[in-house]
Protein backbone atom coordinates (compact mmCIF):
# COMPACT_ATOMS: atom_id res chain seq x y z
CA MET A 1 31.13 13.64 6.89
CA ASN A 2 27.49 14.36 7.67
CA ASN A 3 27.74 17.65 5.77
CA SER A 4 29.13 15.88 2.70
CA ILE A 5 26.27 13.33 2.78
CA LEU A 6 23.71 16.15 3.10
CA SER A 7 25.41 18.02 0.26
CA TRP A 8 25.29 14.91 -1.96
CA ILE A 9 21.54 14.55 -1.32
CA GLY A 10 20.59 18.22 -1.48
CA ASP A 11 23.05 19.71 -3.99
CA GLU A 12 22.01 19.04 -7.59
CA THR A 13 25.33 20.34 -8.94
CA LEU A 14 27.37 17.89 -6.88
CA LEU A 15 25.15 14.97 -7.86
CA GLN A 16 25.30 15.90 -11.55
CA GLY A 17 29.09 16.20 -11.29
CA LEU A 18 29.38 12.64 -9.97
CA VAL A 19 27.11 11.38 -12.76
CA ALA A 20 29.05 13.27 -15.45
CA GLU A 21 32.21 11.31 -14.56
CA GLN A 22 30.59 7.99 -15.55
CA SER A 23 30.67 6.45 -19.03
CA THR A 24 27.43 6.15 -21.04
CA TRP A 25 27.36 2.35 -20.58
CA VAL A 26 27.71 2.72 -16.80
CA LEU A 27 24.88 5.30 -16.79
CA LEU A 28 22.61 2.94 -18.78
CA ILE A 29 23.27 0.18 -16.23
CA ILE A 30 22.59 2.63 -13.37
CA ILE A 31 19.28 3.66 -15.03
CA ALA A 32 18.23 0.00 -15.42
CA ILE A 33 19.01 -0.66 -11.74
CA CYS A 34 17.11 2.49 -10.67
CA ILE A 35 14.03 1.48 -12.67
CA ALA A 36 14.12 -1.97 -11.02
CA MET A 37 14.44 -0.29 -7.59
CA LEU A 38 11.50 2.02 -8.34
CA SER A 39 9.29 -0.86 -9.46
CA MET A 40 10.19 -3.16 -6.55
CA GLY A 41 9.93 -0.35 -3.99
CA ALA A 42 6.49 0.74 -5.23
CA ASP A 43 5.24 -2.88 -5.11
CA TRP A 44 6.47 -3.31 -1.53
CA MET A 45 4.89 -0.02 -0.48
CA ILE A 46 1.45 -0.83 -1.94
CA ASP A 47 1.48 -4.31 -0.35
CA GLY A 48 2.34 -2.76 3.02
CA VAL A 49 -0.31 -0.02 2.70
CA VAL A 50 -3.08 -2.46 1.71
CA ASP A 51 -2.25 -4.76 4.64
CA LEU A 52 -2.06 -1.84 7.06
CA ALA A 53 -5.44 -0.53 5.84
CA GLU A 54 -7.06 -3.96 6.25
CA ARG A 55 -5.54 -4.45 9.71
CA THR A 56 -6.38 -0.97 11.09
CA GLY A 57 -9.72 -0.58 9.32
CA ALA A 58 -8.73 2.81 7.88
CA PRO A 59 -9.86 3.45 4.27
CA LYS A 60 -6.99 2.99 1.78
CA ILE A 61 -7.58 6.50 0.44
CA VAL A 62 -6.84 7.91 3.94
CA ILE A 63 -3.56 5.98 4.26
CA GLY A 64 -2.71 7.13 0.73
CA ALA A 65 -3.35 10.76 1.76
CA THR A 66 -1.20 10.53 4.90
CA VAL A 67 1.45 7.79 5.10
CA VAL A 68 2.11 7.41 1.35
CA SER A 69 1.91 11.11 0.43
CA LEU A 70 4.19 12.08 3.34
CA GLY A 71 6.70 9.50 2.14
CA THR A 72 6.60 10.44 -1.55
CA THR A 73 6.92 14.20 -0.81
CA LEU A 74 9.79 13.78 1.68
CA PRO A 75 12.47 13.82 -1.09
CA GLU A 76 11.08 17.09 -2.51
CA ALA A 77 10.85 18.62 0.97
CA PHE A 78 14.39 17.61 1.89
CA VAL A 79 15.90 18.80 -1.40
CA SER A 80 13.96 22.09 -1.20
CA VAL A 81 15.00 22.83 2.40
CA MET A 82 18.63 21.91 1.63
CA ALA A 83 18.54 24.08 -1.52
CA ALA A 84 17.16 27.06 0.44
CA TYR A 85 19.66 26.50 3.27
CA MET A 86 22.59 26.23 0.80
CA GLY A 87 21.70 29.45 -1.01
CA ASN A 88 19.44 28.30 -3.87
CA PRO A 89 15.93 29.10 -2.54
CA GLY A 90 14.50 29.50 -6.07
CA LEU A 91 14.55 25.72 -6.49
CA ALA A 92 12.17 25.22 -3.56
CA LEU A 93 9.18 27.15 -4.93
CA GLY A 94 9.58 25.50 -8.34
CA ASN A 95 9.80 22.08 -6.71
CA GLY A 96 6.49 22.53 -4.90
CA VAL A 97 4.49 24.13 -7.73
CA GLY A 98 5.98 21.93 -10.47
CA SER A 99 5.25 18.77 -8.48
CA ILE A 100 1.59 19.72 -7.99
CA ILE A 101 1.22 20.25 -11.76
CA ALA A 102 2.96 16.94 -12.59
CA ASP A 103 1.22 14.92 -9.84
CA THR A 104 -2.32 16.02 -10.69
CA GLY A 105 -1.98 16.58 -14.43
CA LEU A 106 0.34 13.77 -15.49
CA ILE A 107 0.04 11.09 -12.82
CA PHE A 108 -3.61 11.37 -11.80
CA GLY A 109 -4.61 12.02 -15.41
CA LEU A 110 -2.77 8.88 -16.50
CA THR A 111 -4.37 6.86 -13.67
CA CYS A 112 -7.88 7.94 -14.78
CA VAL A 113 -7.12 6.91 -18.36
CA LEU A 114 -5.86 3.47 -17.26
CA ALA A 115 -8.35 2.55 -14.52
CA ALA A 116 -11.80 3.33 -13.09
CA VAL A 117 -10.77 5.48 -10.12
CA PRO A 118 -13.41 5.64 -7.35
CA VAL A 119 -14.62 9.05 -6.09
CA ASN A 120 -14.62 8.75 -2.32
CA ARG A 121 -16.89 11.71 -1.56
CA PHE A 122 -16.48 11.62 2.22
CA ILE A 123 -12.69 12.04 1.96
CA LEU A 124 -12.43 14.13 -1.23
CA ASN A 125 -15.04 16.68 -0.17
CA ARG A 126 -12.75 17.43 2.77
CA THR A 127 -9.12 16.90 1.73
CA GLY A 128 -10.03 17.95 -1.83
CA TRP A 129 -10.98 21.42 -0.58
CA VAL A 130 -7.75 21.62 1.45
CA GLN A 131 -5.86 20.66 -1.73
CA VAL A 132 -7.37 23.54 -3.75
CA GLY A 133 -7.44 25.91 -0.79
CA SER A 134 -3.76 25.60 0.12
CA ALA A 135 -2.65 26.22 -3.49
CA THR A 136 -5.05 29.17 -3.81
CA LEU A 137 -3.73 30.61 -0.51
CA LEU A 138 -0.16 30.34 -1.88
CA VAL A 139 -1.13 32.27 -5.03
CA LEU A 140 -3.10 34.93 -3.09
CA ILE A 141 -0.14 35.53 -0.75
CA ALA A 142 2.23 35.68 -3.76
CA VAL A 143 -0.03 38.22 -5.54
CA GLY A 144 -0.38 40.27 -2.34
CA VAL A 145 3.40 40.31 -1.87
CA TYR A 146 3.83 41.40 -5.51
CA PHE A 147 1.63 44.48 -5.08
CA MET A 148 2.92 45.37 -1.60
CA THR A 149 6.67 44.99 -2.24
CA ASP A 150 8.86 47.49 -4.06
CA GLY A 151 11.72 45.08 -4.80
CA GLU A 152 11.63 41.40 -5.75
CA PRO A 153 8.50 39.64 -4.42
CA ARG A 154 9.47 37.03 -1.80
CA LEU A 155 7.78 34.53 0.48
CA GLU A 156 9.23 35.55 3.86
CA HIS A 157 9.78 33.39 6.96
CA TRP A 158 6.29 34.20 8.33
CA VAL A 159 4.70 32.49 5.30
CA GLY A 160 6.71 29.35 6.05
CA TYR A 161 5.60 29.34 9.70
CA LEU A 162 1.97 29.92 8.62
CA PHE A 163 2.12 26.97 6.19
CA LEU A 164 3.75 24.65 8.76
CA GLY A 165 1.07 25.63 11.31
CA LEU A 166 -1.64 24.82 8.75
CA LEU A 167 0.16 21.51 8.02
CA VAL A 168 -0.15 20.43 11.68
CA LEU A 169 -3.86 21.39 11.60
CA TYR A 170 -4.36 19.47 8.31
CA LEU A 171 -2.73 16.29 9.67
CA TYR A 172 -4.87 16.46 12.81
CA MET A 173 -8.07 17.00 10.80
CA THR A 174 -7.14 14.12 8.47
CA TYR A 175 -6.84 11.89 11.55
CA VAL A 176 -10.30 13.03 12.75
CA TRP A 177 -11.84 12.51 9.28
CA ALA A 178 -10.23 9.08 9.04
CA LYS A 179 -11.86 8.01 12.32
CA GLN A 180 -15.23 9.33 11.11
CA GLY A 181 -14.66 7.73 7.70
CA THR A 182 -14.13 4.24 9.06
CA VAL A 183 -17.53 4.47 10.76
CA MET A 184 -19.47 6.20 7.97
CA LEU A 185 -17.99 4.63 4.84
CA PRO A 186 -19.24 1.32 3.49
CA ASP A 187 -16.73 -1.51 3.57
CA GLU A 188 -14.30 -1.33 0.68
CA ASP A 189 -14.19 -4.21 -1.73
CA GLU A 190 -11.03 -5.94 -0.61
CA GLY A 191 -10.97 -8.50 -3.40
CA PRO A 192 -9.85 -12.06 -2.65
CA GLU A 193 -8.92 -12.63 0.98
CA HIS A 194 -5.27 -13.19 1.80
CA GLU A 195 -3.28 -13.77 4.96
CA LEU A 196 -2.54 -10.45 6.66
CA LYS A 197 1.03 -9.55 7.49
CA SER A 198 1.93 -8.30 10.97
CA VAL A 199 1.78 -4.52 11.56
CA SER A 200 5.57 -4.40 11.93
CA LYS A 201 6.07 -6.26 8.62
CA SER A 202 3.61 -3.88 6.89
CA TRP A 203 5.63 -0.90 8.13
CA VAL A 204 8.91 -2.55 7.05
CA LEU A 205 7.44 -2.97 3.54
CA ILE A 206 6.21 0.65 3.44
CA VAL A 207 9.44 2.20 4.75
CA GLY A 208 11.68 -0.16 2.75
CA GLY A 209 9.65 0.43 -0.42
CA LEU A 210 9.73 4.21 0.06
CA THR A 211 13.50 4.12 0.58
CA LEU A 212 14.04 2.19 -2.67
CA VAL A 213 11.72 4.56 -4.58
CA ILE A 214 13.40 7.70 -3.19
CA ILE A 215 16.98 6.51 -3.84
CA GLY A 216 16.05 5.18 -7.28
CA ALA A 217 14.38 8.46 -8.32
CA ARG A 218 17.19 10.57 -6.87
CA ILE A 219 19.86 8.80 -8.96
CA LEU A 220 17.77 8.11 -12.08
CA VAL A 221 16.93 11.76 -12.89
CA PRO A 222 20.49 13.16 -13.19
CA SER A 223 21.67 9.96 -14.93
CA ALA A 224 18.93 10.19 -17.57
CA SER A 225 19.50 13.96 -17.95
CA GLU A 226 23.23 13.37 -18.51
CA ILE A 227 22.58 10.78 -21.24
CA ALA A 228 20.04 13.10 -22.91
CA ALA A 229 22.63 15.91 -22.89
CA ARG A 230 25.27 13.62 -24.44
CA PHE A 231 22.87 12.82 -27.28
CA GLY A 232 22.43 16.54 -27.98
CA VAL A 233 19.02 17.18 -26.36
CA PRO A 234 18.87 20.91 -25.44
CA GLU A 235 19.08 21.80 -21.73
CA ASP A 236 15.72 23.59 -21.67
CA VAL A 237 13.97 20.50 -23.08
CA ILE A 238 15.61 18.34 -20.40
CA ALA A 239 14.49 20.80 -17.69
CA ALA A 240 10.91 21.02 -18.97
CA THR A 241 10.46 17.27 -19.39
CA MET A 242 13.02 14.96 -17.77
CA VAL A 243 13.50 16.89 -14.52
CA ALA A 244 9.81 17.80 -14.09
CA PHE A 245 8.83 14.18 -14.76
CA GLY A 246 11.61 12.81 -12.59
CA THR A 247 10.80 14.71 -9.41
CA SER A 248 7.33 13.10 -9.46
CA LEU A 249 8.66 9.57 -10.12
CA PRO A 250 7.83 8.34 -6.57
CA GLU A 251 4.15 9.30 -7.04
CA LEU A 252 4.13 7.86 -10.59
CA MET A 253 5.57 4.48 -9.56
CA THR A 254 3.16 4.34 -6.61
CA ALA A 255 0.23 5.08 -8.97
CA ILE A 256 1.27 2.38 -11.47
CA ALA A 257 1.71 -0.22 -8.72
CA ALA A 258 -1.62 0.73 -7.10
CA VAL A 259 -3.52 0.42 -10.41
CA ARG A 260 -1.78 -2.85 -11.31
CA LYS A 261 -2.69 -4.35 -7.93
CA GLY A 262 -6.31 -3.13 -8.15
CA HIS A 263 -6.20 -0.32 -5.57
CA PRO A 264 -6.49 2.95 -7.56
CA GLU A 265 -8.02 4.71 -4.52
CA ILE A 266 -4.53 4.75 -2.95
CA THR A 267 -3.44 6.91 -5.90
CA VAL A 268 -6.26 9.42 -5.30
CA GLY A 269 -5.28 9.76 -1.65
CA ASN A 270 -1.59 10.02 -2.51
CA ILE A 271 -2.07 12.74 -5.15
CA VAL A 272 -4.45 14.86 -3.04
CA GLY A 273 -2.24 14.50 0.03
CA ALA A 274 0.95 15.18 -1.95
CA ASP A 275 -0.55 18.39 -3.42
CA VAL A 276 -1.38 19.69 0.06
CA LEU A 277 2.06 18.73 1.39
CA ASN A 278 3.86 20.33 -1.57
CA VAL A 279 2.44 23.70 -0.48
CA LEU A 280 2.31 23.41 3.32
CA PHE A 281 5.33 21.11 3.88
CA VAL A 282 7.74 21.57 0.93
CA ILE A 283 7.29 25.33 0.35
CA GLY A 284 6.55 26.00 4.04
CA ALA A 285 9.70 24.32 5.36
CA ALA A 286 11.85 25.91 2.64
CA ALA A 287 10.48 29.42 3.42
CA VAL A 288 11.38 28.89 7.07
CA ALA A 289 14.94 27.98 6.01
CA ALA A 290 15.30 31.05 3.73
CA PRO A 291 12.97 33.62 2.06
CA LEU A 292 11.86 32.39 -1.38
CA VAL A 293 12.08 34.79 -4.32
CA ILE A 294 9.07 34.53 -6.69
CA PRO A 295 10.19 34.82 -10.36
CA MET A 296 7.84 36.74 -12.67
CA ASN A 297 7.13 33.66 -14.84
CA PHE A 298 5.26 32.11 -11.88
CA TYR A 299 2.66 34.90 -12.01
CA TYR A 300 1.81 34.58 -15.70
CA PHE A 301 2.57 30.89 -16.33
CA HIS A 302 3.22 28.40 -13.49
CA PHE A 303 0.59 29.62 -10.99
CA PRO A 304 -2.22 29.77 -13.64
CA ALA A 305 -1.31 26.25 -14.88
CA MET A 306 -1.43 24.91 -11.29
CA LEU A 307 -4.82 26.51 -10.58
CA ILE A 308 -6.36 25.32 -13.89
CA ILE A 309 -5.38 21.71 -13.11
CA LEU A 310 -6.48 21.82 -9.44
CA TYR A 311 -9.83 23.52 -10.11
CA SER A 312 -10.50 21.06 -12.96
CA PHE A 313 -9.92 18.23 -10.46
CA ARG A 314 -12.25 19.94 -7.97
CA VAL A 315 -15.02 20.30 -10.60
CA PHE A 316 -14.62 16.61 -11.56
CA ILE A 317 -15.16 15.56 -7.92
CA SER A 318 -18.40 17.60 -7.81
CA MET A 319 -19.79 16.39 -11.15
CA ASN A 320 -19.04 12.65 -10.87
CA LYS A 321 -22.36 11.38 -9.50
CA GLU A 322 -21.70 7.74 -10.45
CA GLY A 323 -18.82 7.38 -8.00
CA VAL A 324 -15.90 7.15 -10.48
CA PHE A 325 -13.64 9.53 -12.38
CA TYR A 326 -14.24 9.26 -16.13
CA ARG A 327 -11.57 8.52 -18.71
CA TRP A 328 -12.17 11.80 -20.57
CA GLN A 329 -11.34 13.66 -17.36
CA GLY A 330 -7.98 11.90 -17.30
CA PHE A 331 -7.38 12.94 -20.91
CA TRP A 332 -8.28 16.55 -20.01
CA LEU A 333 -5.77 16.65 -17.12
CA LEU A 334 -3.11 15.01 -19.31
CA GLY A 335 -3.85 17.51 -22.08
CA VAL A 336 -3.43 20.49 -19.75
CA TYR A 337 -0.14 19.04 -18.46
CA LEU A 338 1.23 18.39 -21.97
CA THR A 339 0.15 21.89 -23.11
CA TYR A 340 2.00 23.31 -20.08
CA VAL A 341 5.20 21.38 -20.92
CA ILE A 342 5.07 22.21 -24.66
CA MET A 343 4.40 25.93 -24.03
CA GLN A 344 7.21 26.00 -21.49
CA TYR A 345 9.61 24.87 -24.22
CA ALA A 346 8.03 26.82 -27.11
CA LEU A 347 7.96 30.12 -25.19
CA ASN A 348 11.36 29.37 -23.59
CA ILE A 349 9.94 29.75 -20.06
CA GLU A 350 12.19 28.56 -17.27
CA SER A 351 11.04 25.27 -15.75
CA ALA A 352 9.09 25.35 -12.48
CA HIS A 353 11.38 22.62 -11.22
C-alpha cells in the first residue's frame, strides 16, 4: 500500500494515467479546486510566517529563506528522489535546474514588477552568495566530469553526499546569521498591529498551507497538461511552458500572497533559499539515490541560462544602493526567462523539467 502511495506521488506516468481517464469537464472542475487550494494554502502560510516572525523576532526574509523555502522545495525533492530511485534519474537534474530558472526569472522577476521589493543587505550578501556559489559549483563539477569521463557525464553518489554536507552547513550558517540579523537589523515595518496567534497555531497555518499548496500543484499540473493535449497543443510546448511553470507553482503562489499582504521580503527569502535547496537538497538527495546523467543540452543551454539569471540577480543586489529592487530589473529577469522558454521551443531543446 505504501509503495503504491509513493508511486502515485513520485511517478509522473502513473499520475498522468489517472488524469487521462477523466472527462474534460471533470478536469476543469479539478483545476478550479486546485487553484482555490493553492490560493488558500498560500494565504494561510504567509499569515503563519508573519506571525511566527513577529513572535520570534526573526526577520521575515530569514523565515522565508528557511521554513518557507524548505516547504516549497520539498515536492521537487521528493519527486526527484523518487524518480531517481525508480529508474528515471534524468528528471531530477532537470527539476533542480529548471526550478532555479523559473523561481528567479519568472517568479522573482514578476514580484519586482508588481511590488517594491526591499534589498536586505545583511541577509542577501550572505545567502545571496551561497545561492550563486552552489549553482556555480554544480556547473563546475558538471564541466569537470565532462572532460574527465569517457562515457556519459554523470553526477555520482559522492556529489550527492558533498551537496547534502554543504546543505547541513548552509542551514547552520543561516541559523547563525539569523541570530546576528535580529540584533543588527533595524526593526521591520510591521504595518498595523494585530493580535498575534499562538506559536502552535502559526505552525498549523504554515504546515496546513504548505500541504494545500503542494497537493494543489501536484494535481493541477498533469490536469492542465492533459487538457492542453486534448486541445491539440504540442507536447514540447506543454513541457517547455506548463510543466516548467507548474513545478514552481508553490513558490509563485507564495510570492503572490506575500505581495498582496504587503510582505514582499518573504518572497526574496523564499526564492534565494529555494535556489540553494534546489542544488544542495533536490539534486544532492537525488544523486545519493542514483547517479544522475547530464544530457548535452544542459552544457550549452540550461546551465548558461541558470547562470545568466543568477549572476544578474547577484549584480542587482550589489548595485541597488537605495534599498529596493527596481522594476526594470524585474523586467530583465522576466525577459531572460521568456527568451529561455521561447528558444527551448524554437530550437526544439528538451525541457529542463
